[in-house]
Amino acid sequence: MARAATTTDPFNAVAEPRRRQILDLLAGGERAVGDLVEELGLGQPQVSKHLRVLREVGLVKAREEGRRRLYRVDGRALKPIHDWVKGYEALWSERFELLDDVLEDLEKERSDDTRD
């Protein structure tokens, strides 16, 4: 099965670590490209390229304010990713509960050993 293009699939778009960093920064609120460039330590062309990909898949929206373009996250486009991850939530919750039980048993054994 052929892979979906990065610009048509939010999963592929967020597979790139820098794009996830941009989403993390934008999760805190609207930001201008210059702010993102400064925060990420990348060149403006690189940041703009990543923003274009995120915009094309709908993860990011932009609005003009004078000469500046401000970007923000559009959470609706994250829903497919959220839904996919949510499918694993029960599995991980169960595993963490089992791990908690093991850790409690180990702690109990350790406290029993120190009493002897």
N, C-alpha and C. Protein backbone atom coordinates (compact mmCIF):
# COMPACT_ATOMS: atom_id res chain seq x y z
N MET A 1 0.84 -1.18 0.00
CA MET A 1 0.00 0.00 0.00
C MET A 1 0.88 1.24 0.00
N ALA A 2 0.60 2.16 -0.88
CA ALA A 2 1.40 3.38 -1.00
C ALA A 2 1.15 4.30 0.19
N ARG A 3 2.19 4.99 0.60
CA ARG A 3 2.08 5.95 1.69
C ARG A 3 1.39 7.21 1.22
N ALA A 4 0.57 7.78 2.07
CA ALA A 4 -0.10 9.04 1.73
C ALA A 4 0.93 10.16 1.71
N ALA A 5 0.70 11.13 0.86
CA ALA A 5 1.59 12.28 0.79
C ALA A 5 1.57 13.04 2.10
N THR A 6 2.72 13.59 2.48
CA THR A 6 2.84 14.35 3.71
C THR A 6 1.82 15.47 3.77
N THR A 7 1.51 16.05 2.61
CA THR A 7 0.62 17.20 2.59
C THR A 7 -0.86 16.82 2.53
N THR A 8 -1.18 15.53 2.59
CA THR A 8 -2.59 15.13 2.59
C THR A 8 -2.97 14.34 3.83
N ASP A 9 -1.99 14.00 4.65
CA ASP A 9 -2.24 13.12 5.78
C ASP A 9 -1.65 13.70 7.06
N PRO A 10 -2.49 13.98 8.07
CA PRO A 10 -1.94 14.56 9.31
C PRO A 10 -0.94 13.64 10.00
N PHE A 11 -1.10 12.32 9.87
CA PHE A 11 -0.15 11.39 10.49
C PHE A 11 1.25 11.58 9.92
N ASN A 12 1.35 11.66 8.60
CA ASN A 12 2.65 11.87 7.97
C ASN A 12 3.19 13.26 8.27
N ALA A 13 2.31 14.24 8.32
CA ALA A 13 2.75 15.60 8.60
C ALA A 13 3.39 15.70 9.98
N VAL A 14 2.81 15.06 10.98
CA VAL A 14 3.35 15.15 12.34
C VAL A 14 4.47 14.14 12.60
N ALA A 15 4.76 13.32 11.61
CA ALA A 15 5.87 12.37 11.76
C ALA A 15 7.22 13.11 11.82
N GLU A 16 7.25 14.32 11.28
CA GLU A 16 8.48 15.10 11.27
C GLU A 16 8.63 15.83 12.61
N PRO A 17 9.73 15.60 13.33
CA PRO A 17 9.89 16.18 14.67
C PRO A 17 9.76 17.71 14.72
N ARG A 18 10.28 18.42 13.74
CA ARG A 18 10.20 19.89 13.76
C ARG A 18 8.75 20.35 13.66
N ARG A 19 7.94 19.62 12.92
CA ARG A 19 6.52 20.00 12.81
C ARG A 19 5.82 19.79 14.14
N ARG A 20 6.20 18.74 14.84
CA ARG A 20 5.62 18.53 16.18
C ARG A 20 6.04 19.65 17.11
N GLN A 21 7.28 20.10 16.99
CA GLN A 21 7.75 21.22 17.82
C GLN A 21 6.93 22.48 17.52
N ILE A 22 6.68 22.71 16.25
CA ILE A 22 5.88 23.88 15.86
C ILE A 22 4.48 23.77 16.46
N LEU A 23 3.88 22.59 16.37
CA LEU A 23 2.54 22.41 16.96
C LEU A 23 2.58 22.64 18.46
N ASP A 24 3.63 22.16 19.12
CA ASP A 24 3.77 22.38 20.57
C ASP A 24 3.82 23.87 20.89
N LEU A 25 4.59 24.61 20.10
CA LEU A 25 4.69 26.06 20.33
C LEU A 25 3.35 26.75 20.07
N LEU A 26 2.67 26.34 19.01
CA LEU A 26 1.40 26.96 18.67
C LEU A 26 0.29 26.55 19.63
N ALA A 27 0.47 25.45 20.33
CA ALA A 27 -0.53 25.03 21.32
C ALA A 27 -0.65 26.06 22.43
N GLY A 28 0.40 26.83 22.64
CA GLY A 28 0.38 27.88 23.66
C GLY A 28 -0.31 29.15 23.19
N GLY A 29 -0.67 29.21 21.93
CA GLY A 29 -1.34 30.39 21.39
C GLY A 29 -0.78 30.78 20.05
N GLU A 30 -1.41 31.74 19.46
CA GLU A 30 -1.06 32.23 18.14
C GLU A 30 0.36 32.79 18.13
N ARG A 31 1.10 32.51 17.06
CA ARG A 31 2.48 32.99 16.95
C ARG A 31 2.79 33.43 15.52
N ALA A 32 3.65 34.41 15.40
CA ALA A 32 4.15 34.85 14.10
C ALA A 32 5.32 33.97 13.68
N VAL A 33 5.59 33.94 12.39
CA VAL A 33 6.69 33.13 11.86
C VAL A 33 8.01 33.52 12.54
N GLY A 34 8.24 34.80 12.70
CA GLY A 34 9.49 35.25 13.32
C GLY A 34 9.67 34.70 14.72
N ASP A 35 8.59 34.61 15.48
CA ASP A 35 8.66 34.03 16.83
C ASP A 35 9.07 32.56 16.76
N LEU A 36 8.49 31.85 15.80
CA LEU A 36 8.80 30.43 15.64
C LEU A 36 10.25 30.23 15.21
N VAL A 37 10.71 31.08 14.30
CA VAL A 37 12.10 31.01 13.83
C VAL A 37 13.05 31.19 15.01
N GLU A 38 12.78 32.18 15.82
CA GLU A 38 13.63 32.47 16.99
C GLU A 38 13.60 31.31 17.99
N GLU A 39 12.42 30.82 18.27
CA GLU A 39 12.26 29.75 19.27
C GLU A 39 12.91 28.44 18.81
N LEU A 40 12.79 28.12 17.53
CA LEU A 40 13.29 26.85 17.01
C LEU A 40 14.75 26.90 16.59
N GLY A 41 15.26 28.11 16.35
CA GLY A 41 16.65 28.22 15.90
C GLY A 41 16.83 27.75 14.46
N LEU A 42 15.78 27.81 13.68
CA LEU A 42 15.83 27.42 12.27
C LEU A 42 15.75 28.67 11.40
N GLY A 43 16.06 28.50 10.13
CA GLY A 43 15.91 29.60 9.19
C GLY A 43 14.44 29.82 8.85
N GLN A 44 14.12 31.05 8.45
CA GLN A 44 12.74 31.37 8.12
C GLN A 44 12.21 30.50 6.98
N PRO A 45 13.00 30.19 5.93
CA PRO A 45 12.48 29.34 4.87
C PRO A 45 12.10 27.93 5.36
N GLN A 46 12.88 27.38 6.28
CA GLN A 46 12.57 26.05 6.82
C GLN A 46 11.27 26.08 7.61
N VAL A 47 11.12 27.07 8.47
CA VAL A 47 9.91 27.18 9.28
C VAL A 47 8.70 27.39 8.37
N SER A 48 8.83 28.23 7.37
CA SER A 48 7.73 28.47 6.44
C SER A 48 7.33 27.20 5.69
N LYS A 49 8.33 26.41 5.32
CA LYS A 49 8.04 25.14 4.62
C LYS A 49 7.24 24.20 5.53
N HIS A 50 7.66 24.08 6.78
CA HIS A 50 6.94 23.22 7.73
C HIS A 50 5.53 23.75 7.97
N LEU A 51 5.40 25.07 8.09
CA LEU A 51 4.07 25.66 8.29
C LEU A 51 3.17 25.41 7.08
N ARG A 52 3.74 25.45 5.89
CA ARG A 52 2.95 25.19 4.68
C ARG A 52 2.39 23.78 4.71
N VAL A 53 3.22 22.81 5.09
CA VAL A 53 2.75 21.41 5.18
C VAL A 53 1.65 21.30 6.23
N LEU A 54 1.87 21.89 7.39
CA LEU A 54 0.87 21.82 8.46
C LEU A 54 -0.43 22.52 8.04
N ARG A 55 -0.30 23.59 7.30
CA ARG A 55 -1.48 24.31 6.80
C ARG A 55 -2.23 23.46 5.77
N GLU A 56 -1.51 22.81 4.88
CA GLU A 56 -2.14 22.02 3.82
C GLU A 56 -2.93 20.83 4.35
N VAL A 57 -2.51 20.26 5.48
CA VAL A 57 -3.28 19.15 6.07
C VAL A 57 -4.32 19.66 7.06
N GLY A 58 -4.35 20.96 7.28
CA GLY A 58 -5.38 21.55 8.13
C GLY A 58 -5.03 21.60 9.60
N LEU A 59 -3.80 21.26 9.97
CA LEU A 59 -3.40 21.28 11.38
C LEU A 59 -3.16 22.70 11.89
N VAL A 60 -2.90 23.61 10.98
CA VAL A 60 -2.57 24.98 11.34
C VAL A 60 -3.40 25.92 10.46
N LYS A 61 -3.87 26.99 11.06
CA LYS A 61 -4.58 28.05 10.34
C LYS A 61 -3.74 29.32 10.46
N ALA A 62 -3.88 30.19 9.46
CA ALA A 62 -3.14 31.45 9.47
C ALA A 62 -4.11 32.61 9.25
N ARG A 63 -3.74 33.74 9.82
CA ARG A 63 -4.52 34.96 9.56
C ARG A 63 -3.54 36.11 9.41
N GLU A 64 -3.95 37.05 8.59
CA GLU A 64 -3.12 38.23 8.34
C GLU A 64 -3.42 39.28 9.40
N GLU A 65 -2.36 39.91 9.88
CA GLU A 65 -2.49 41.05 10.79
C GLU A 65 -1.45 42.07 10.35
N GLY A 66 -1.90 43.00 9.54
CA GLY A 66 -0.96 43.95 8.95
C GLY A 66 -0.02 43.20 8.02
N ARG A 67 1.27 43.35 8.25
CA ARG A 67 2.27 42.65 7.44
C ARG A 67 2.59 41.27 7.98
N ARG A 68 2.10 40.98 9.14
CA ARG A 68 2.43 39.69 9.77
C ARG A 68 1.37 38.65 9.47
N ARG A 69 1.81 37.41 9.46
CA ARG A 69 0.91 36.28 9.35
C ARG A 69 1.02 35.51 10.67
N LEU A 70 -0.11 35.36 11.35
CA LEU A 70 -0.13 34.68 12.64
C LEU A 70 -0.72 33.29 12.46
N TYR A 71 -0.09 32.32 13.10
CA TYR A 71 -0.49 30.92 12.97
C TYR A 71 -1.04 30.41 14.28
N ARG A 72 -1.99 29.47 14.17
CA ARG A 72 -2.56 28.82 15.35
C ARG A 72 -2.91 27.38 14.99
N VAL A 73 -3.00 26.54 15.99
CA VAL A 73 -3.37 25.14 15.80
C VAL A 73 -4.87 25.05 15.56
N ASP A 74 -5.26 24.18 14.64
CA ASP A 74 -6.67 23.86 14.43
C ASP A 74 -6.87 22.44 14.94
N GLY A 75 -7.38 22.33 16.15
CA GLY A 75 -7.53 21.04 16.82
C GLY A 75 -8.40 20.04 16.10
N ARG A 76 -9.32 20.51 15.27
CA ARG A 76 -10.21 19.57 14.55
C ARG A 76 -9.41 18.62 13.67
N ALA A 77 -8.32 19.08 13.09
CA ALA A 77 -7.52 18.23 12.22
C ALA A 77 -6.72 17.20 13.01
N LEU A 78 -6.58 17.42 14.32
CA LEU A 78 -5.86 16.46 15.17
C LEU A 78 -6.76 15.29 15.59
N LYS A 79 -8.05 15.39 15.35
CA LYS A 79 -8.98 14.36 15.80
C LYS A 79 -8.64 12.95 15.30
N PRO A 80 -8.28 12.76 14.02
CA PRO A 80 -7.93 11.40 13.59
C PRO A 80 -6.75 10.82 14.37
N ILE A 81 -5.78 11.67 14.69
CA ILE A 81 -4.62 11.21 15.47
C ILE A 81 -5.07 10.88 16.89
N HIS A 82 -5.87 11.75 17.47
CA HIS A 82 -6.40 11.52 18.82
C HIS A 82 -7.19 10.21 18.88
N ASP A 83 -8.06 10.01 17.90
CA ASP A 83 -8.88 8.80 17.88
C ASP A 83 -8.02 7.55 17.78
N TRP A 84 -6.96 7.61 16.98
CA TRP A 84 -6.08 6.45 16.82
C TRP A 84 -5.34 6.15 18.14
N VAL A 85 -4.80 7.19 18.76
CA VAL A 85 -4.07 7.01 20.02
C VAL A 85 -5.01 6.54 21.12
N LYS A 86 -6.23 7.04 21.12
CA LYS A 86 -7.20 6.67 22.14
C LYS A 86 -7.46 5.17 22.15
N GLY A 87 -7.34 4.53 20.98
CA GLY A 87 -7.50 3.08 20.90
C GLY A 87 -6.49 2.31 21.73
N TYR A 88 -5.37 2.93 22.02
CA TYR A 88 -4.33 2.29 22.83
C TYR A 88 -4.41 2.65 24.30
N GLU A 89 -5.30 3.57 24.64
CA GLU A 89 -5.39 4.05 26.02
C GLU A 89 -5.70 2.92 27.00
N ALA A 90 -6.66 2.07 26.69
CA ALA A 90 -7.03 0.97 27.59
C ALA A 90 -5.86 0.01 27.77
N LEU A 91 -5.17 -0.29 26.67
CA LEU A 91 -4.02 -1.19 26.74
C LEU A 91 -2.95 -0.64 27.68
N TRP A 92 -2.60 0.63 27.52
CA TRP A 92 -1.56 1.21 28.36
C TRP A 92 -2.02 1.38 29.80
N SER A 93 -3.28 1.71 30.01
CA SER A 93 -3.78 1.83 31.38
C SER A 93 -3.65 0.48 32.10
N GLU A 94 -4.02 -0.57 31.40
CA GLU A 94 -3.92 -1.91 31.99
C GLU A 94 -2.47 -2.25 32.30
N ARG A 95 -1.57 -1.95 31.40
CA ARG A 95 -0.15 -2.26 31.62
C ARG A 95 0.43 -1.44 32.78
N PHE A 96 0.02 -0.18 32.88
CA PHE A 96 0.51 0.64 33.99
C PHE A 96 -0.04 0.14 35.32
N GLU A 97 -1.27 -0.34 35.34
CA GLU A 97 -1.82 -0.91 36.56
C GLU A 97 -1.04 -2.15 36.97
N LEU A 98 -0.70 -3.00 36.01
CA LEU A 98 0.10 -4.19 36.31
C LEU A 98 1.48 -3.79 36.82
N LEU A 99 2.06 -2.78 36.22
CA LEU A 99 3.36 -2.29 36.68
C LEU A 99 3.26 -1.75 38.10
N ASP A 100 2.21 -1.02 38.40
CA ASP A 100 2.00 -0.53 39.77
C ASP A 100 1.95 -1.68 40.76
N ASP A 101 1.25 -2.77 40.39
CA ASP A 101 1.16 -3.94 41.27
C ASP A 101 2.55 -4.53 41.52
N VAL A 102 3.33 -4.66 40.47
CA VAL A 102 4.69 -5.22 40.60
C VAL A 102 5.54 -4.31 41.48
N LEU A 103 5.45 -3.02 41.28
CA LEU A 103 6.24 -2.09 42.09
C LEU A 103 5.82 -2.12 43.56
N GLU A 104 4.52 -2.24 43.80
CA GLU A 104 4.05 -2.35 45.19
C GLU A 104 4.57 -3.63 45.84
N ASP A 105 4.57 -4.74 45.10
CA ASP A 105 5.10 -6.00 45.62
C ASP A 105 6.59 -5.88 45.93
N LEU A 106 7.33 -5.25 45.05
CA LEU A 106 8.77 -5.06 45.27
C LEU A 106 9.02 -4.18 46.49
N GLU A 107 8.24 -3.13 46.61
CA GLU A 107 8.39 -2.24 47.76
C GLU A 107 8.07 -2.98 49.06
N LYS A 108 7.03 -3.81 49.02
CA LYS A 108 6.67 -4.58 50.21
C LYS A 108 7.78 -5.57 50.57
N GLU A 109 8.34 -6.25 49.56
CA GLU A 109 9.44 -7.17 49.81
C GLU A 109 10.64 -6.44 50.41
N ARG A 110 10.94 -5.28 49.88
CA ARG A 110 12.07 -4.51 50.37
C ARG A 110 11.86 -4.07 51.81
N SER A 111 10.64 -3.64 52.13
CA SER A 111 10.40 -3.21 53.51
C SER A 111 10.40 -4.41 54.45
N ASP A 112 9.95 -5.59 53.96
CA ASP A 112 10.00 -6.81 54.79
C ASP A 112 11.45 -7.21 55.04
N ASP A 113 12.33 -7.06 54.03
CA ASP A 113 13.75 -7.42 54.17
C ASP A 113 14.46 -6.51 55.15
N THR A 114 14.07 -5.26 55.21
CA THR A 114 14.75 -4.34 56.12
C THR A 114 14.32 -4.56 57.56
N ARG A 115 13.16 -5.19 57.78
CA ARG A 115 12.69 -5.48 59.14
C ARG A 115 13.40 -6.70 59.72
N ASP A 116 13.89 -7.56 58.85
CA ASP A 116 14.54 -8.82 59.33
C ASP A 116 15.86 -8.58 59.93
